[in-house]
Amino acid sequence: MSSKSTISISFKIEDGADGMKTLTLDAEGLAKALKSDVSEADRFTQKLANLSGVAVGIDQLQGVIQNFQSALKGLTDAYAVQIQTETQLENSMRNTMSATDAEIQSIKDLCSAQQQLGVIGDEVQLAGAQKLASFLSEKNSLAALIPVMRYSNFTDNYILILIAWNKKCGTKIS
């Protein structure tokens, strides 16, 4: 028996003159061919895994972008509400109190400072101040009432009292 064995494998290939071709391959050649195929399959699998990682990364990036857009929309909406509320306060204070820019800014600053002390946002206090300003004639009265607005439902109750008083007496409360 020789030290080098040969394995012969024959396939029928409809290509030859007689319709038969014989392929002969030794074990080393077969091993090399199989190893090459396995190596190529491993490289393909690695590339596919890398591509999958890239797809996951892109998906996560898309989620981050959507969260950012949502947060930005929330900030934009909050800013619009803030501007609208401040404008309404300015109009009320100018119409009922003939308030100056400095007086209006002092009320805005007071509401902002009150936000730091309580659980009510300054836009809520500004809206309450705007409602109160439509019944008051002096900025000092408004400034005195703003700190109380951060407690309970004071704003709504006080406004109802002011409306009733105004209807009954036909006068504005200073």
Foldseek 3Di string as FASTA:
>chain_A
DDPFDWDWDFDQACPDPVRGDGDTDGPVRVVVVVVVVVVVVVVVVVVVVVVVVVVVVVVVVVVVVVVVVVVVVVVVVVVVLQVVLLVLQVVLCCVQAVDDPVLSVVLLVLLCVLVVVAVDHSSVLSNLLSLLSNQAHHSVVSSVCSNVPRDDNVSVVVSVVSVVVCVVPVHGHD
